[in-house]
Amino acid sequence: MKKAILPFLIVLALSVGAAAAAPEYHTVAKGDTLYGLARHYDVTVAEFMEFNPGLIPEDLRIGAKLLIPVETLWSYHVVQPGDNSRSLAKQYKVPEDLLLQANGLTAEKLTAGEMIRIPMHFYLGQSQEPVTHTVEIGDTLYEIALKYKVTLAQLVQWNHLQDPDAIMAGQVLIVG
């Protein structure tokens, strides 16, 4: 029964992950209070504290970055031999520091068999790395745009092309 539940939770989390957002932070300014910030972001003081472990409400430091609470959505993962926080963060497309924070961990090494929480409410979606294409002999910018389902204008902008007709074999273009 447990084996059937875990994949279901993962699929459920990933299916609603598209609505999740990258983490946002508030930089504490002079006069900020935790109560005021909670009201501003329409959350509770308790939620602010849950998202910012170690936060002392009476000791907000100017310039400190506080994670703004969002609606939580957790997935769970049973750690397998060879798993580490970096590989799991990449696999689930969540920030590694927030994965560690969600589990009260300080190191990237995890113990096999341990169940950890994955903060899917901070699902990052597509990789932050741009998709590239290496130009081959005969390639045209138009054909490359069609292949990657982008516009010519996007290719010109992303690659800072002065002359769209002057691409050369071996040139690496950002295509997404």
Protein backbone atom coordinates (compact mmCIF):
# COMPACT_ATOMS: atom_id res chain seq x y z
CA MET A 1 0.00 0.00 0.00
CA LYS A 2 2.83 2.44 0.87
CA LYS A 3 4.48 1.83 -2.50
CA ALA A 4 1.29 2.88 -4.32
CA ILE A 5 0.79 6.04 -2.26
CA LEU A 6 4.25 7.55 -2.80
CA PRO A 7 4.08 7.67 -6.62
CA PHE A 8 0.55 9.08 -6.36
CA LEU A 9 1.77 11.88 -4.08
CA ILE A 10 4.63 12.67 -6.43
CA VAL A 11 2.34 12.77 -9.49
CA LEU A 12 -0.16 14.90 -7.58
CA ALA A 13 2.55 17.31 -6.49
CA LEU A 14 4.00 17.60 -9.99
CA SER A 15 0.59 18.08 -11.58
CA VAL A 16 -0.11 21.14 -9.46
CA GLY A 17 3.51 22.25 -9.50
CA ALA A 18 2.92 24.42 -12.52
CA ALA A 19 0.99 26.80 -10.26
CA ALA A 20 3.90 27.01 -7.83
CA ALA A 21 6.29 29.91 -7.83
CA ALA A 22 9.95 30.47 -7.33
CA PRO A 23 10.69 31.70 -3.82
CA GLU A 24 10.33 35.40 -3.17
CA TYR A 25 12.03 37.30 -0.39
CA HIS A 26 11.32 40.47 1.55
CA THR A 27 14.29 42.56 2.62
CA VAL A 28 13.64 43.94 6.10
CA ALA A 29 13.55 47.75 6.15
CA LYS A 30 13.55 50.19 9.04
CA GLY A 31 10.19 50.09 10.81
CA ASP A 32 9.20 46.62 9.55
CA THR A 33 7.51 44.36 12.09
CA LEU A 34 6.65 40.72 11.65
CA TYR A 35 3.00 41.52 12.28
CA GLY A 36 3.07 44.27 9.64
CA LEU A 37 4.78 42.02 7.11
CA ALA A 38 2.27 39.23 7.76
CA ARG A 39 -0.60 41.65 7.14
CA HIS A 40 1.12 43.04 4.01
CA TYR A 41 1.56 39.57 2.49
CA ASP A 42 -1.85 38.33 3.75
CA VAL A 43 -0.38 35.50 5.85
CA THR A 44 -0.08 34.82 9.56
CA VAL A 45 2.89 35.55 11.80
CA ALA A 46 3.09 31.78 12.42
CA GLU A 47 3.41 31.12 8.68
CA PHE A 48 6.21 33.69 8.43
CA MET A 49 8.00 31.95 11.28
CA GLU A 50 7.47 28.48 9.76
CA PHE A 51 9.03 29.63 6.48
CA ASN A 52 11.93 31.32 8.26
CA PRO A 53 13.28 28.94 10.94
CA GLY A 54 15.24 30.70 13.65
CA LEU A 55 13.43 33.99 13.06
CA ILE A 56 13.01 35.98 16.28
CA PRO A 57 10.02 38.33 15.89
CA GLU A 58 11.43 40.94 18.28
CA ASP A 59 14.80 40.95 16.52
CA LEU A 60 14.19 41.72 12.84
CA ARG A 61 17.48 42.91 11.40
CA ILE A 62 17.43 45.60 8.73
CA GLY A 63 18.67 44.10 5.47
CA ALA A 64 17.76 40.53 6.44
CA LYS A 65 16.03 38.56 3.71
CA LEU A 66 12.85 36.80 4.81
CA LEU A 67 11.20 34.11 2.74
CA ILE A 68 7.65 35.19 1.91
CA PRO A 69 5.20 32.40 2.81
CA VAL A 70 3.12 30.81 0.08
CA GLU A 71 0.53 28.06 0.19
CA THR A 72 2.48 24.94 1.07
CA LEU A 73 2.51 21.87 -1.11
CA TRP A 74 4.69 18.96 -0.03
CA SER A 75 5.80 15.85 -1.81
CA TYR A 76 7.78 13.14 -0.06
CA HIS A 77 10.80 11.14 -1.13
CA VAL A 78 12.38 8.08 0.43
CA VAL A 79 16.13 8.60 0.19
CA GLN A 80 17.91 6.00 -1.94
CA PRO A 81 21.62 5.14 -1.79
CA GLY A 82 23.50 7.82 -3.71
CA ASP A 83 20.84 10.51 -3.24
CA ASN A 84 21.99 13.89 -1.97
CA SER A 85 20.28 17.21 -1.56
CA ARG A 86 21.74 18.62 -4.77
CA SER A 87 20.55 15.70 -6.91
CA LEU A 88 17.08 15.71 -5.34
CA ALA A 89 16.72 19.47 -5.72
CA LYS A 90 17.59 19.09 -9.40
CA GLN A 91 15.29 16.07 -9.82
CA TYR A 92 12.29 17.82 -8.25
CA LYS A 93 13.26 21.27 -9.59
CA VAL A 94 13.23 23.03 -6.23
CA PRO A 95 15.89 25.25 -4.62
CA GLU A 96 18.42 23.13 -2.71
CA ASP A 97 18.65 25.52 0.23
CA LEU A 98 14.87 25.36 0.72
CA LEU A 99 14.89 21.55 0.47
CA LEU A 100 17.51 21.46 3.25
CA GLN A 101 15.60 24.02 5.30
CA ALA A 102 12.30 22.11 4.93
CA ASN A 103 13.95 19.08 6.50
CA GLY A 104 16.06 20.83 9.12
CA LEU A 105 19.26 19.70 7.41
CA THR A 106 22.53 21.57 7.11
CA ALA A 107 24.54 19.17 4.95
CA GLU A 108 23.80 17.79 1.52
CA LYS A 109 24.40 14.16 2.59
CA LEU A 110 21.23 12.20 3.31
CA THR A 111 20.61 8.85 4.97
CA ALA A 112 19.22 6.03 2.78
CA GLY A 113 15.73 5.00 3.89
CA GLU A 114 14.99 8.39 5.43
CA MET A 115 11.81 10.13 4.20
CA ILE A 116 12.21 13.81 3.42
CA ARG A 117 9.79 16.55 2.45
CA ILE A 118 10.08 18.18 -0.96
CA PRO A 119 8.84 21.81 -0.97
CA MET A 120 6.89 21.63 -4.22
CA HIS A 121 5.40 25.06 -3.49
CA PHE A 122 8.76 26.35 -4.75
CA TYR A 123 8.81 24.26 -7.93
CA LEU A 124 11.06 26.07 -10.38
CA GLY A 125 9.64 24.55 -13.54
CA GLN A 126 11.94 24.45 -16.49
CA SER A 127 15.66 24.41 -15.96
CA GLN A 128 17.27 27.79 -15.44
CA GLU A 129 19.94 26.82 -17.99
CA PRO A 130 19.16 28.05 -21.50
CA VAL A 131 18.62 25.53 -24.27
CA THR A 132 21.31 25.83 -26.94
CA HIS A 133 21.80 24.70 -30.51
CA THR A 134 25.11 24.35 -32.32
CA VAL A 135 24.74 25.62 -35.87
CA GLU A 136 25.54 23.07 -38.56
CA ILE A 137 26.41 23.67 -42.20
CA GLY A 138 23.21 24.57 -44.05
CA ASP A 139 21.25 25.68 -40.98
CA THR A 140 19.24 28.85 -41.28
CA LEU A 141 17.93 30.96 -38.43
CA TYR A 142 14.42 30.39 -39.78
CA GLU A 143 14.78 26.58 -39.67
CA ILE A 144 16.26 26.75 -36.16
CA ALA A 145 13.33 28.92 -35.02
CA LEU A 146 10.87 26.39 -36.44
CA LYS A 147 12.69 23.45 -34.87
CA TYR A 148 12.61 24.98 -31.37
CA LYS A 149 9.20 26.66 -31.78
CA VAL A 150 10.48 30.17 -31.13
CA THR A 151 10.35 33.34 -33.20
CA LEU A 152 13.16 34.80 -35.29
CA ALA A 153 12.95 37.94 -33.16
CA GLN A 154 13.56 35.88 -30.00
CA LEU A 155 16.62 34.22 -31.52
CA VAL A 156 18.02 37.59 -32.61
CA GLN A 157 17.39 39.10 -29.16
CA TRP A 158 18.66 36.15 -27.08
CA ASN A 159 21.86 35.89 -29.13
CA HIS A 160 22.47 39.61 -29.71
CA LEU A 161 22.72 38.99 -33.46
CA GLN A 162 23.63 42.06 -35.53
CA ASP A 163 22.95 40.27 -38.83
CA PRO A 164 20.48 37.33 -38.63
CA ASP A 165 21.79 36.04 -41.97
CA ALA A 166 25.36 35.76 -40.70
CA ILE A 167 25.27 32.65 -38.52
CA MET A 168 28.15 30.21 -38.95
CA ALA A 169 28.64 26.48 -38.52
CA GLY A 170 29.90 25.75 -34.99
CA GLN A 171 28.26 28.84 -33.52
CA VAL A 172 26.25 28.08 -30.35
CA LEU A 173 22.89 29.81 -30.21
CA ILE A 174 20.48 30.16 -27.30
CA VAL A 175 17.18 28.73 -28.52
CA GLY A 176 15.05 28.60 -25.39
